[in-house]
């Protein structure tokens, strides 16, 4: 549900979502939740952004974005590089963003977009 909310938010913001739940071939482990092009960078070409989506129904374990540790960022960097190397997409640079979503019963979800947390 969180990835769907995040993908819709990005598309509504003018981004182009290229991939969801991408897993590399042999060698690397892990998954990129969303891969998208951010046209708002001000450069002639959009930035290629892997977006880690963290969704929580409770803050008992802390805010959703706090779940993105240094080890997770290292894995996301490797996965982002692998995705870029295996796809021919014109872009002006790579970036990792986190979209955190807090689900609240009976209320709209709270979405926060943390840009440039890695790379």
N, C-alpha and C. Protein backbone atom coordinates (compact mmCIF):
# COMPACT_ATOMS: atom_id res chain seq x y z
N UNK A 1 0.82 -1.20 0.00
CA UNK A 1 0.00 0.00 0.00
C UNK A 1 0.86 1.26 0.00
N UNK A 2 1.93 1.26 0.80
CA UNK A 2 2.81 2.42 0.87
C UNK A 2 3.46 2.74 -0.46
N UNK A 3 3.91 1.71 -1.19
CA UNK A 3 4.56 1.95 -2.48
C UNK A 3 3.58 2.54 -3.49
N UNK A 4 2.34 2.10 -3.43
CA UNK A 4 1.32 2.65 -4.32
C UNK A 4 1.08 4.13 -4.01
N UNK A 5 1.00 4.47 -2.73
CA UNK A 5 0.82 5.87 -2.32
C UNK A 5 2.01 6.71 -2.78
N UNK A 6 3.23 6.19 -2.58
CA UNK A 6 4.44 6.91 -2.97
C UNK A 6 4.52 7.09 -4.48
N UNK A 7 4.22 6.04 -5.24
CA UNK A 7 4.26 6.13 -6.70
C UNK A 7 3.25 7.15 -7.21
N UNK A 8 2.08 7.17 -6.63
CA UNK A 8 1.05 8.14 -7.04
C UNK A 8 1.51 9.56 -6.72
N UNK A 9 2.10 9.75 -5.52
CA UNK A 9 2.61 11.06 -5.13
C UNK A 9 3.68 11.55 -6.12
N UNK A 10 4.61 10.67 -6.47
CA UNK A 10 5.68 11.05 -7.40
C UNK A 10 5.10 11.41 -8.77
N UNK A 11 4.20 10.57 -9.28
CA UNK A 11 3.59 10.84 -10.58
C UNK A 11 2.82 12.16 -10.56
N UNK A 12 2.10 12.41 -9.49
CA UNK A 12 1.35 13.66 -9.36
C UNK A 12 2.29 14.87 -9.28
N UNK A 13 3.54 14.63 -8.87
CA UNK A 13 4.54 15.71 -8.78
C UNK A 13 5.34 15.86 -10.07
N UNK A 14 4.95 15.12 -11.11
CA UNK A 14 5.61 15.25 -12.41
C UNK A 14 6.73 14.26 -12.66
N UNK A 15 6.97 13.36 -11.72
CA UNK A 15 8.03 12.37 -11.89
C UNK A 15 7.54 11.26 -12.81
N UNK A 16 8.50 10.55 -13.41
CA UNK A 16 8.17 9.37 -14.21
C UNK A 16 8.69 8.14 -13.48
N UNK A 17 7.79 7.30 -13.01
CA UNK A 17 8.18 6.07 -12.32
C UNK A 17 8.53 5.04 -13.39
N UNK A 18 9.78 4.56 -13.35
CA UNK A 18 10.28 3.62 -14.34
C UNK A 18 10.13 2.17 -13.91
N UNK A 19 10.22 1.93 -12.62
CA UNK A 19 10.25 0.55 -12.14
C UNK A 19 9.75 0.48 -10.71
N UNK A 20 9.12 -0.66 -10.40
CA UNK A 20 8.69 -0.95 -9.03
C UNK A 20 9.25 -2.30 -8.63
N UNK A 21 9.71 -2.38 -7.40
CA UNK A 21 10.17 -3.66 -6.82
C UNK A 21 11.21 -4.36 -7.69
N UNK A 22 12.23 -3.61 -8.11
CA UNK A 22 13.27 -4.17 -8.97
C UNK A 22 14.27 -4.98 -8.14
N UNK A 23 14.56 -6.18 -8.63
CA UNK A 23 15.57 -7.04 -8.01
C UNK A 23 16.64 -7.33 -9.06
N UNK A 24 17.91 -7.30 -8.65
CA UNK A 24 18.98 -7.57 -9.61
C UNK A 24 19.08 -9.06 -9.91
N UNK A 25 19.89 -9.37 -10.90
CA UNK A 25 20.17 -10.77 -11.19
C UNK A 25 21.10 -11.35 -10.14
N UNK A 26 21.82 -12.36 -10.50
CA UNK A 26 22.73 -13.04 -9.57
C UNK A 26 23.78 -12.07 -9.02
N UNK A 27 24.20 -12.31 -7.82
CA UNK A 27 25.26 -11.52 -7.21
C UNK A 27 24.77 -10.59 -6.12
N UNK A 28 24.04 -9.58 -6.49
CA UNK A 28 23.53 -8.61 -5.52
C UNK A 28 22.22 -9.10 -4.93
N UNK A 29 21.99 -8.74 -3.68
CA UNK A 29 20.72 -9.07 -3.03
C UNK A 29 20.02 -7.78 -2.64
N UNK A 30 18.71 -7.84 -2.63
CA UNK A 30 17.94 -6.68 -2.22
C UNK A 30 16.95 -6.27 -3.29
N UNK A 31 16.32 -5.13 -3.04
CA UNK A 31 15.26 -4.66 -3.94
C UNK A 31 15.20 -3.13 -3.89
N UNK A 32 14.95 -2.54 -5.04
CA UNK A 32 14.65 -1.11 -5.10
C UNK A 32 13.14 -0.97 -5.16
N UNK A 33 12.57 -0.25 -4.20
CA UNK A 33 11.11 -0.10 -4.16
C UNK A 33 10.60 0.60 -5.41
N UNK A 34 11.17 1.77 -5.70
CA UNK A 34 10.78 2.54 -6.88
C UNK A 34 12.03 3.13 -7.52
N UNK A 35 12.03 3.18 -8.84
CA UNK A 35 13.07 3.88 -9.59
C UNK A 35 12.32 4.90 -10.44
N UNK A 36 12.74 6.16 -10.36
CA UNK A 36 12.00 7.22 -11.05
C UNK A 36 12.93 8.30 -11.56
N UNK A 37 12.41 9.10 -12.48
CA UNK A 37 13.13 10.26 -12.98
C UNK A 37 12.51 11.51 -12.38
N UNK A 38 13.37 12.33 -11.75
CA UNK A 38 12.94 13.58 -11.13
C UNK A 38 13.24 14.73 -12.08
N UNK A 39 12.22 15.30 -12.71
CA UNK A 39 12.45 16.38 -13.67
C UNK A 39 12.69 17.74 -13.02
N UNK A 40 12.61 17.82 -11.71
CA UNK A 40 12.67 19.12 -11.02
C UNK A 40 14.07 19.51 -10.59
N UNK A 41 15.10 18.84 -11.10
CA UNK A 41 16.47 19.12 -10.65
C UNK A 41 17.04 20.41 -11.23
N UNK A 42 16.41 20.95 -12.27
CA UNK A 42 16.92 22.17 -12.88
C UNK A 42 17.98 21.92 -13.93
N UNK A 43 18.38 20.67 -14.10
CA UNK A 43 19.37 20.31 -15.10
C UNK A 43 18.64 20.01 -16.42
N UNK A 44 19.40 19.94 -17.52
CA UNK A 44 18.74 19.64 -18.80
C UNK A 44 18.12 18.24 -18.83
N UNK A 45 18.67 17.34 -18.04
CA UNK A 45 18.11 15.98 -17.97
C UNK A 45 17.70 15.70 -16.54
N UNK A 46 16.72 14.82 -16.35
CA UNK A 46 16.25 14.53 -14.99
C UNK A 46 17.25 13.69 -14.21
N UNK A 47 17.15 13.76 -12.90
CA UNK A 47 17.95 12.89 -12.03
C UNK A 47 17.29 11.52 -11.96
N UNK A 48 18.12 10.49 -11.93
CA UNK A 48 17.63 9.13 -11.72
C UNK A 48 17.63 8.88 -10.22
N UNK A 49 16.47 8.55 -9.68
CA UNK A 49 16.32 8.45 -8.23
C UNK A 49 15.77 7.09 -7.85
N UNK A 50 16.46 6.39 -6.93
CA UNK A 50 15.83 5.22 -6.33
C UNK A 50 15.16 5.71 -5.06
N UNK A 51 13.94 5.27 -4.90
CA UNK A 51 13.11 5.74 -3.79
C UNK A 51 12.82 4.57 -2.86
N UNK A 52 13.30 4.67 -1.65
CA UNK A 52 13.01 3.67 -0.62
C UNK A 52 11.74 4.13 0.08
N UNK A 53 10.76 3.25 0.13
CA UNK A 53 9.48 3.59 0.75
C UNK A 53 9.38 2.88 2.09
N UNK A 54 9.14 3.64 3.14
CA UNK A 54 8.97 3.08 4.48
C UNK A 54 7.59 3.47 5.00
N UNK A 55 6.80 2.47 5.33
CA UNK A 55 5.43 2.69 5.77
C UNK A 55 5.25 2.13 7.17
N UNK A 56 4.59 2.88 8.02
CA UNK A 56 4.31 2.44 9.39
C UNK A 56 2.87 2.78 9.75
N UNK A 57 2.26 1.90 10.52
CA UNK A 57 0.92 2.16 11.04
C UNK A 57 1.01 2.70 12.46
N UNK A 58 2.22 2.67 13.03
CA UNK A 58 2.42 3.14 14.40
C UNK A 58 3.82 3.73 14.50
N UNK A 59 3.99 4.68 15.39
CA UNK A 59 5.33 5.24 15.61
C UNK A 59 6.04 4.54 16.76
N UNK A 60 5.51 3.43 17.23
CA UNK A 60 6.11 2.70 18.35
C UNK A 60 7.57 2.34 18.06
N UNK A 61 7.88 2.03 16.81
CA UNK A 61 9.24 1.68 16.43
C UNK A 61 10.01 2.90 15.92
N UNK A 62 9.45 4.09 16.10
CA UNK A 62 10.09 5.30 15.64
C UNK A 62 9.53 5.73 14.29
N UNK A 63 9.98 6.87 13.79
CA UNK A 63 9.49 7.34 12.50
C UNK A 63 9.92 6.39 11.38
N UNK A 64 9.14 6.28 10.32
CA UNK A 64 9.46 5.32 9.26
C UNK A 64 10.86 5.51 8.67
N UNK A 65 11.27 6.74 8.42
CA UNK A 65 12.57 6.98 7.78
C UNK A 65 13.74 6.52 8.64
N UNK A 66 13.55 6.40 9.95
CA UNK A 66 14.63 5.96 10.83
C UNK A 66 15.03 4.51 10.56
N UNK A 67 14.19 3.78 9.84
CA UNK A 67 14.51 2.39 9.51
C UNK A 67 15.56 2.28 8.40
N UNK A 68 15.91 3.41 7.79
CA UNK A 68 16.93 3.40 6.73
C UNK A 68 18.28 3.62 7.39
N UNK A 69 18.97 2.53 7.66
CA UNK A 69 20.25 2.55 8.36
C UNK A 69 21.40 2.76 7.38
N UNK A 70 22.61 2.92 7.91
CA UNK A 70 23.80 3.05 7.07
C UNK A 70 23.99 1.80 6.21
N UNK A 71 23.74 0.63 6.78
CA UNK A 71 23.86 -0.62 6.02
C UNK A 71 22.83 -0.66 4.89
N UNK A 72 21.62 -0.22 5.17
CA UNK A 72 20.57 -0.18 4.14
C UNK A 72 20.95 0.78 3.04
N UNK A 73 21.50 1.95 3.40
CA UNK A 73 21.93 2.92 2.39
C UNK A 73 23.04 2.35 1.51
N UNK A 74 23.98 1.63 2.11
CA UNK A 74 25.05 1.01 1.32
C UNK A 74 24.48 0.03 0.31
N UNK A 75 23.52 -0.76 0.74
CA UNK A 75 22.87 -1.73 -0.16
C UNK A 75 22.11 -0.98 -1.27
N UNK A 76 21.42 0.10 -0.91
CA UNK A 76 20.69 0.88 -1.90
C UNK A 76 21.63 1.52 -2.92
N UNK A 77 22.80 1.98 -2.47
CA UNK A 77 23.79 2.54 -3.40
C UNK A 77 24.22 1.50 -4.42
N UNK A 78 24.53 0.30 -3.95
CA UNK A 78 24.95 -0.78 -4.85
C UNK A 78 23.83 -1.14 -5.83
N UNK A 79 22.62 -1.24 -5.33
CA UNK A 79 21.48 -1.59 -6.18
C UNK A 79 21.19 -0.49 -7.20
N UNK A 80 21.29 0.76 -6.78
CA UNK A 80 21.05 1.88 -7.70
C UNK A 80 22.08 1.88 -8.83
N UNK A 81 23.33 1.64 -8.48
CA UNK A 81 24.38 1.55 -9.51
C UNK A 81 24.13 0.40 -10.46
N UNK A 82 23.69 -0.73 -9.93
CA UNK A 82 23.40 -1.90 -10.77
C UNK A 82 22.23 -1.62 -11.71
N UNK A 83 21.20 -0.95 -11.18
CA UNK A 83 20.05 -0.63 -12.03
C UNK A 83 20.49 0.29 -13.16
N UNK A 84 21.23 1.35 -12.83
CA UNK A 84 21.67 2.32 -13.84
C UNK A 84 22.56 1.66 -14.89
N UNK A 85 23.41 0.73 -14.46
CA UNK A 85 24.31 0.06 -15.40
C UNK A 85 23.56 -0.88 -16.34
N UNK A 86 22.42 -1.38 -15.92
CA UNK A 86 21.69 -2.35 -16.73
C UNK A 86 20.54 -1.74 -17.54
N UNK A 87 20.37 -0.43 -17.45
CA UNK A 87 19.30 0.25 -18.18
C UNK A 87 19.86 1.48 -18.89
N UNK A 88 19.42 1.71 -20.09
CA UNK A 88 19.86 2.89 -20.84
C UNK A 88 18.83 4.00 -20.66
N UNK A 89 19.06 4.84 -19.68
CA UNK A 89 18.15 5.95 -19.40
C UNK A 89 19.00 7.21 -19.26
N UNK A 90 18.68 8.23 -20.05
CA UNK A 90 19.42 9.49 -19.96
C UNK A 90 19.07 10.18 -18.66
N UNK A 91 20.10 10.52 -17.89
CA UNK A 91 19.89 11.21 -16.61
C UNK A 91 21.11 12.05 -16.29
N UNK A 92 20.95 13.00 -15.37
CA UNK A 92 22.05 13.90 -15.04
C UNK A 92 22.77 13.50 -13.75
N UNK A 93 22.32 12.47 -13.10
CA UNK A 93 22.96 12.03 -11.87
C UNK A 93 22.08 11.05 -11.13
N UNK A 94 22.66 10.43 -10.12
CA UNK A 94 21.94 9.44 -9.32
C UNK A 94 21.67 10.00 -7.93
N UNK A 95 20.56 9.57 -7.36
CA UNK A 95 20.21 10.02 -6.02
C UNK A 95 19.36 8.95 -5.35
N UNK A 96 19.41 8.93 -4.02
CA UNK A 96 18.52 8.05 -3.24
C UNK A 96 17.65 8.95 -2.37
N UNK A 97 16.35 8.73 -2.46
CA UNK A 97 15.38 9.44 -1.63
C UNK A 97 14.65 8.43 -0.77
N UNK A 98 14.06 8.91 0.30
CA UNK A 98 13.18 8.08 1.13
C UNK A 98 11.83 8.77 1.19
N UNK A 99 10.79 8.00 0.94
CA UNK A 99 9.43 8.49 1.17
C UNK A 99 8.90 7.72 2.37
N UNK A 100 8.60 8.44 3.43
CA UNK A 100 8.05 7.79 4.63
C UNK A 100 6.56 8.08 4.69
N UNK A 101 5.82 7.04 5.04
CA UNK A 101 4.36 7.14 5.08
C UNK A 101 3.88 6.62 6.42
N UNK A 102 3.10 7.44 7.09
CA UNK A 102 2.47 7.02 8.35
C UNK A 102 0.99 6.85 8.10
N UNK A 103 0.51 5.62 8.29
CA UNK A 103 -0.91 5.32 8.12
C UNK A 103 -1.61 5.58 9.44
N UNK A 104 -2.74 6.28 9.38
CA UNK A 104 -3.49 6.62 10.59
C UNK A 104 -4.94 6.20 10.39
N UNK A 105 -5.47 5.36 11.25
CA UNK A 105 -6.85 4.89 11.09
C UNK A 105 -7.85 6.05 11.00
N UNK A 106 -8.64 6.04 9.94
CA UNK A 106 -9.67 7.05 9.79
C UNK A 106 -9.18 8.42 9.35
N UNK A 107 -7.88 8.57 9.14
CA UNK A 107 -7.30 9.85 8.73
C UNK A 107 -6.44 9.66 7.49
N UNK A 108 -6.18 10.73 6.75
CA UNK A 108 -5.28 10.59 5.60
C UNK A 108 -3.87 10.21 6.05
N UNK A 109 -3.18 9.49 5.20
CA UNK A 109 -1.79 9.12 5.48
C UNK A 109 -0.93 10.38 5.50
N UNK A 110 0.13 10.35 6.32
CA UNK A 110 1.10 11.44 6.35
C UNK A 110 2.31 10.99 5.55
N UNK A 111 2.64 11.74 4.50
CA UNK A 111 3.75 11.40 3.61
C UNK A 111 4.84 12.46 3.75
N UNK A 112 6.07 12.00 3.91
CA UNK A 112 7.23 12.91 3.95
C UNK A 112 8.24 12.42 2.92
N UNK A 113 8.74 13.36 2.13
CA UNK A 113 9.71 13.03 1.08
C UNK A 113 11.08 13.57 1.51
N UNK A 114 12.00 12.67 1.79
CA UNK A 114 13.36 13.02 2.21
C UNK A 114 14.26 12.87 0.98
N UNK A 115 14.71 13.97 0.43
CA UNK A 115 15.50 13.95 -0.80
C UNK A 115 17.00 13.88 -0.51
N UNK A 116 17.67 13.11 -1.34
CA UNK A 116 19.13 13.08 -1.29
C UNK A 116 19.72 12.48 -0.03
N UNK A 117 19.15 11.40 0.45
CA UNK A 117 19.69 10.77 1.66
C UNK A 117 20.92 9.92 1.35
N UNK A 118 21.14 9.62 0.10
CA UNK A 118 22.30 8.81 -0.27
C UNK A 118 22.74 9.12 -1.69
N UNK A 119 24.01 8.83 -1.98
CA UNK A 119 24.70 9.04 -3.26
C UNK A 119 25.07 10.45 -3.44
